[in-house]
C-alpha cells in the first residue's frame, strides 16, 4: 500500500492497535507517546511514523517481542546511540 493516499492513516491505526494490545495507551497531550505497565514496570514508548523508541527500567521489559504483535511485522531492535 506504499504510496496510497490512505497508507499513513492505516499504518497509524495498525501501530496504535498493536501498542494497545501490549497494554500501552497514548498520553492525553501527545498521541505519539504511549505509557503503560509491562511486567510490573512503567514503560514509555514513542511512535514517530515508522520509527519507535522505548524507555524502560531494564532490557527485558523494553523488549517489544514480549507483546502479542502482528506476525507480519518484523521488529528490528537497536541499542541506543551515545
N, C-alpha and C. Protein backbone atom coordinates (compact mmCIF):
# COMPACT_ATOMS: atom_id res chain seq x y z
N UNK A 1 0.80 -1.19 0.00
CA UNK A 1 0.00 0.00 0.00
C UNK A 1 0.86 1.27 0.00
N UNK A 2 2.14 1.12 -0.09
CA UNK A 2 3.01 2.29 -0.08
C UNK A 2 2.62 3.22 -1.22
N UNK A 3 2.49 4.50 -0.92
CA UNK A 3 2.12 5.47 -1.93
C UNK A 3 0.63 5.73 -2.01
N UNK A 4 -0.17 4.87 -1.43
CA UNK A 4 -1.62 5.06 -1.44
C UNK A 4 -1.98 6.21 -0.49
N UNK A 5 -2.94 7.05 -0.86
CA UNK A 5 -3.29 8.19 0.00
C UNK A 5 -3.71 7.80 1.42
N UNK A 6 -4.25 6.63 1.61
CA UNK A 6 -4.71 6.19 2.92
C UNK A 6 -3.63 5.50 3.74
N UNK A 7 -2.46 5.24 3.15
CA UNK A 7 -1.40 4.48 3.82
C UNK A 7 -1.00 5.05 5.19
N UNK A 8 -0.72 6.34 5.31
CA UNK A 8 -0.30 6.85 6.61
C UNK A 8 -1.36 6.65 7.70
N UNK A 9 -2.61 6.88 7.38
CA UNK A 9 -3.67 6.71 8.37
C UNK A 9 -3.83 5.25 8.76
N UNK A 10 -3.78 4.36 7.76
CA UNK A 10 -3.93 2.94 8.05
C UNK A 10 -2.76 2.41 8.88
N UNK A 11 -1.53 2.85 8.57
CA UNK A 11 -0.37 2.42 9.35
C UNK A 11 -0.49 2.91 10.78
N UNK A 12 -0.88 4.18 10.98
CA UNK A 12 -1.03 4.74 12.32
C UNK A 12 -2.06 3.94 13.11
N UNK A 13 -3.15 3.60 12.47
CA UNK A 13 -4.21 2.82 13.13
C UNK A 13 -3.70 1.42 13.50
N UNK A 14 -2.95 0.81 12.61
CA UNK A 14 -2.40 -0.53 12.85
C UNK A 14 -1.38 -0.51 13.99
N UNK A 15 -0.46 0.45 13.94
CA UNK A 15 0.55 0.55 15.00
C UNK A 15 -0.11 0.84 16.35
N UNK A 16 -1.12 1.70 16.36
CA UNK A 16 -1.84 2.02 17.59
C UNK A 16 -2.48 0.77 18.18
N UNK A 17 -3.09 -0.05 17.34
CA UNK A 17 -3.74 -1.28 17.80
C UNK A 17 -2.72 -2.23 18.43
N UNK A 18 -1.55 -2.36 17.81
CA UNK A 18 -0.51 -3.25 18.35
C UNK A 18 -0.04 -2.75 19.71
N UNK A 19 0.21 -1.46 19.83
CA UNK A 19 0.69 -0.91 21.10
C UNK A 19 -0.36 -1.05 22.20
N UNK A 20 -1.62 -0.88 21.86
CA UNK A 20 -2.69 -1.07 22.85
C UNK A 20 -2.79 -2.52 23.29
N UNK A 21 -2.55 -3.47 22.36
CA UNK A 21 -2.52 -4.89 22.73
C UNK A 21 -1.42 -5.17 23.75
N UNK A 22 -0.35 -4.41 23.67
CA UNK A 22 0.77 -4.55 24.61
C UNK A 22 0.49 -3.90 25.96
N UNK A 23 -0.66 -3.24 26.08
CA UNK A 23 -1.02 -2.60 27.34
C UNK A 23 -0.59 -1.15 27.43
N UNK A 24 -0.20 -0.57 26.31
CA UNK A 24 0.22 0.83 26.29
C UNK A 24 -0.92 1.70 25.76
N UNK A 25 -1.06 2.89 26.31
CA UNK A 25 -2.10 3.82 25.86
C UNK A 25 -1.47 5.16 25.55
N UNK A 26 -1.99 5.87 24.53
CA UNK A 26 -1.42 7.17 24.21
C UNK A 26 -1.67 8.18 25.32
N UNK A 27 -0.72 9.08 25.51
CA UNK A 27 -0.90 10.12 26.52
C UNK A 27 -1.90 11.15 26.00
N UNK A 28 -2.47 11.91 26.92
CA UNK A 28 -3.51 12.86 26.58
C UNK A 28 -3.00 13.97 25.65
N UNK A 29 -1.84 14.51 25.93
CA UNK A 29 -1.35 15.66 25.19
C UNK A 29 -0.46 15.32 24.00
N UNK A 30 0.02 14.09 23.93
CA UNK A 30 0.90 13.69 22.83
C UNK A 30 0.52 12.30 22.35
N UNK A 31 -0.33 12.19 21.32
CA UNK A 31 -0.84 10.89 20.88
C UNK A 31 0.22 9.92 20.36
N UNK A 32 1.43 10.40 20.05
CA UNK A 32 2.51 9.51 19.60
C UNK A 32 3.35 8.99 20.77
N UNK A 33 3.04 9.43 21.98
CA UNK A 33 3.76 9.00 23.18
C UNK A 33 2.83 8.10 24.00
N UNK A 34 3.25 6.86 24.18
CA UNK A 34 2.43 5.87 24.89
C UNK A 34 3.05 5.57 26.25
N UNK A 35 2.20 5.20 27.18
CA UNK A 35 2.65 4.87 28.53
C UNK A 35 1.87 3.65 29.00
N UNK A 36 2.51 2.85 29.82
CA UNK A 36 1.84 1.69 30.36
C UNK A 36 2.74 0.92 31.30
N UNK A 37 2.22 -0.20 31.79
CA UNK A 37 2.98 -1.06 32.70
C UNK A 37 3.09 -2.44 32.05
N UNK A 38 4.34 -2.90 31.90
CA UNK A 38 4.61 -4.23 31.36
C UNK A 38 5.48 -4.94 32.39
N UNK A 39 5.09 -6.15 32.77
CA UNK A 39 5.81 -6.92 33.78
C UNK A 39 6.00 -6.13 35.08
N UNK A 40 5.01 -5.31 35.43
CA UNK A 40 5.06 -4.54 36.66
C UNK A 40 5.98 -3.33 36.59
N UNK A 41 6.49 -3.00 35.42
CA UNK A 41 7.41 -1.89 35.23
C UNK A 41 6.79 -0.83 34.32
N UNK A 42 6.98 0.44 34.65
CA UNK A 42 6.50 1.54 33.82
C UNK A 42 7.29 1.59 32.53
N UNK A 43 6.59 1.71 31.40
CA UNK A 43 7.22 1.78 30.09
C UNK A 43 6.70 3.02 29.35
N UNK A 44 7.60 3.75 28.73
CA UNK A 44 7.26 4.88 27.88
C UNK A 44 7.68 4.49 26.46
N UNK A 45 6.78 4.67 25.51
CA UNK A 45 7.03 4.25 24.13
C UNK A 45 6.70 5.40 23.20
N UNK A 46 7.64 5.76 22.32
CA UNK A 46 7.42 6.83 21.36
C UNK A 46 7.27 6.24 19.97
N UNK A 47 6.21 6.64 19.30
CA UNK A 47 5.95 6.19 17.92
C UNK A 47 6.02 7.42 17.02
N UNK A 48 6.94 7.41 16.08
CA UNK A 48 7.10 8.52 15.15
C UNK A 48 7.09 7.95 13.74
N UNK A 49 5.96 7.97 13.09
CA UNK A 49 5.74 7.38 11.77
C UNK A 49 6.14 5.90 11.81
N UNK A 50 7.30 5.53 11.27
CA UNK A 50 7.73 4.13 11.32
C UNK A 50 8.99 3.95 12.16
N UNK A 51 9.29 4.91 13.02
CA UNK A 51 10.40 4.79 13.96
C UNK A 51 9.83 4.71 15.37
N UNK A 52 10.48 3.91 16.20
CA UNK A 52 9.99 3.70 17.55
C UNK A 52 11.14 3.82 18.55
N UNK A 53 10.82 4.26 19.75
CA UNK A 53 11.80 4.32 20.84
C UNK A 53 11.08 3.89 22.11
N UNK A 54 11.79 3.18 22.97
CA UNK A 54 11.19 2.72 24.22
C UNK A 54 12.11 3.06 25.38
N UNK A 55 11.49 3.46 26.49
CA UNK A 55 12.22 3.72 27.73
C UNK A 55 11.63 2.83 28.80
N UNK A 56 12.47 2.01 29.39
CA UNK A 56 12.04 1.07 30.43
C UNK A 56 13.19 0.86 31.40
N UNK A 57 12.89 0.38 32.61
CA UNK A 57 13.93 0.21 33.62
C UNK A 57 14.97 -0.86 33.29
N UNK A 58 14.62 -1.81 32.41
CA UNK A 58 15.60 -2.84 32.06
C UNK A 58 15.32 -3.37 30.65
N UNK A 59 16.29 -4.05 30.09
CA UNK A 59 16.20 -4.54 28.71
C UNK A 59 15.07 -5.55 28.54
N UNK A 60 14.89 -6.42 29.51
CA UNK A 60 13.84 -7.44 29.41
C UNK A 60 12.46 -6.80 29.26
N UNK A 61 12.19 -5.79 30.05
CA UNK A 61 10.90 -5.11 29.98
C UNK A 61 10.77 -4.33 28.68
N UNK A 62 11.86 -3.77 28.19
CA UNK A 62 11.84 -2.96 26.97
C UNK A 62 11.68 -3.79 25.70
N UNK A 63 11.90 -5.10 25.78
CA UNK A 63 11.86 -5.95 24.60
C UNK A 63 10.43 -6.06 24.08
N UNK A 64 10.17 -5.43 22.95
CA UNK A 64 8.83 -5.39 22.37
C UNK A 64 8.35 -6.77 21.95
N UNK A 65 9.26 -7.72 21.76
CA UNK A 65 8.85 -9.05 21.31
C UNK A 65 8.05 -9.80 22.36
N UNK A 66 7.99 -9.29 23.60
CA UNK A 66 7.16 -9.91 24.63
C UNK A 66 5.67 -9.71 24.35
N UNK A 67 5.36 -8.71 23.57
CA UNK A 67 3.97 -8.34 23.33
C UNK A 67 3.39 -9.15 22.18
N UNK A 68 2.07 -9.33 22.18
CA UNK A 68 1.42 -10.06 21.09
C UNK A 68 1.34 -9.17 19.84
N UNK A 69 2.38 -9.18 19.03
CA UNK A 69 2.41 -8.31 17.86
C UNK A 69 1.97 -9.06 16.62
N UNK A 70 1.69 -8.32 15.61
CA UNK A 70 1.31 -8.86 14.31
C UNK A 70 2.47 -9.68 13.75
N UNK A 71 2.25 -10.95 13.39
CA UNK A 71 3.35 -11.78 12.87
C UNK A 71 3.89 -11.28 11.53
N UNK A 72 3.17 -10.39 10.87
CA UNK A 72 3.63 -9.86 9.59
C UNK A 72 4.62 -8.70 9.78
N UNK A 73 4.76 -8.22 11.02
CA UNK A 73 5.65 -7.09 11.30
C UNK A 73 6.94 -7.62 11.89
N UNK A 74 8.07 -7.24 11.30
CA UNK A 74 9.38 -7.62 11.82
C UNK A 74 9.92 -6.44 12.62
N UNK A 75 10.26 -6.67 13.88
CA UNK A 75 10.78 -5.61 14.74
C UNK A 75 12.28 -5.73 14.79
N UNK A 76 12.98 -4.75 14.25
CA UNK A 76 14.44 -4.70 14.32
C UNK A 76 14.79 -3.83 15.52
N UNK A 77 15.55 -4.39 16.44
CA UNK A 77 15.91 -3.61 17.64
C UNK A 77 17.35 -3.13 17.50
N UNK A 78 17.58 -1.93 18.03
CA UNK A 78 18.92 -1.31 18.01
C UNK A 78 19.22 -0.78 19.39
N UNK A 79 20.49 -0.80 19.75
CA UNK A 79 20.93 -0.21 21.00
C UNK A 79 20.91 1.30 20.84
N UNK A 80 20.68 2.03 21.94
CA UNK A 80 20.68 3.48 21.92
C UNK A 80 22.03 4.04 21.50
N UNK A 81 22.00 5.11 20.74
CA UNK A 81 23.24 5.76 20.31
C UNK A 81 23.71 6.71 21.39
N UNK A 82 24.99 6.78 21.55
CA UNK A 82 25.56 7.68 22.55
C UNK A 82 26.10 8.93 21.91
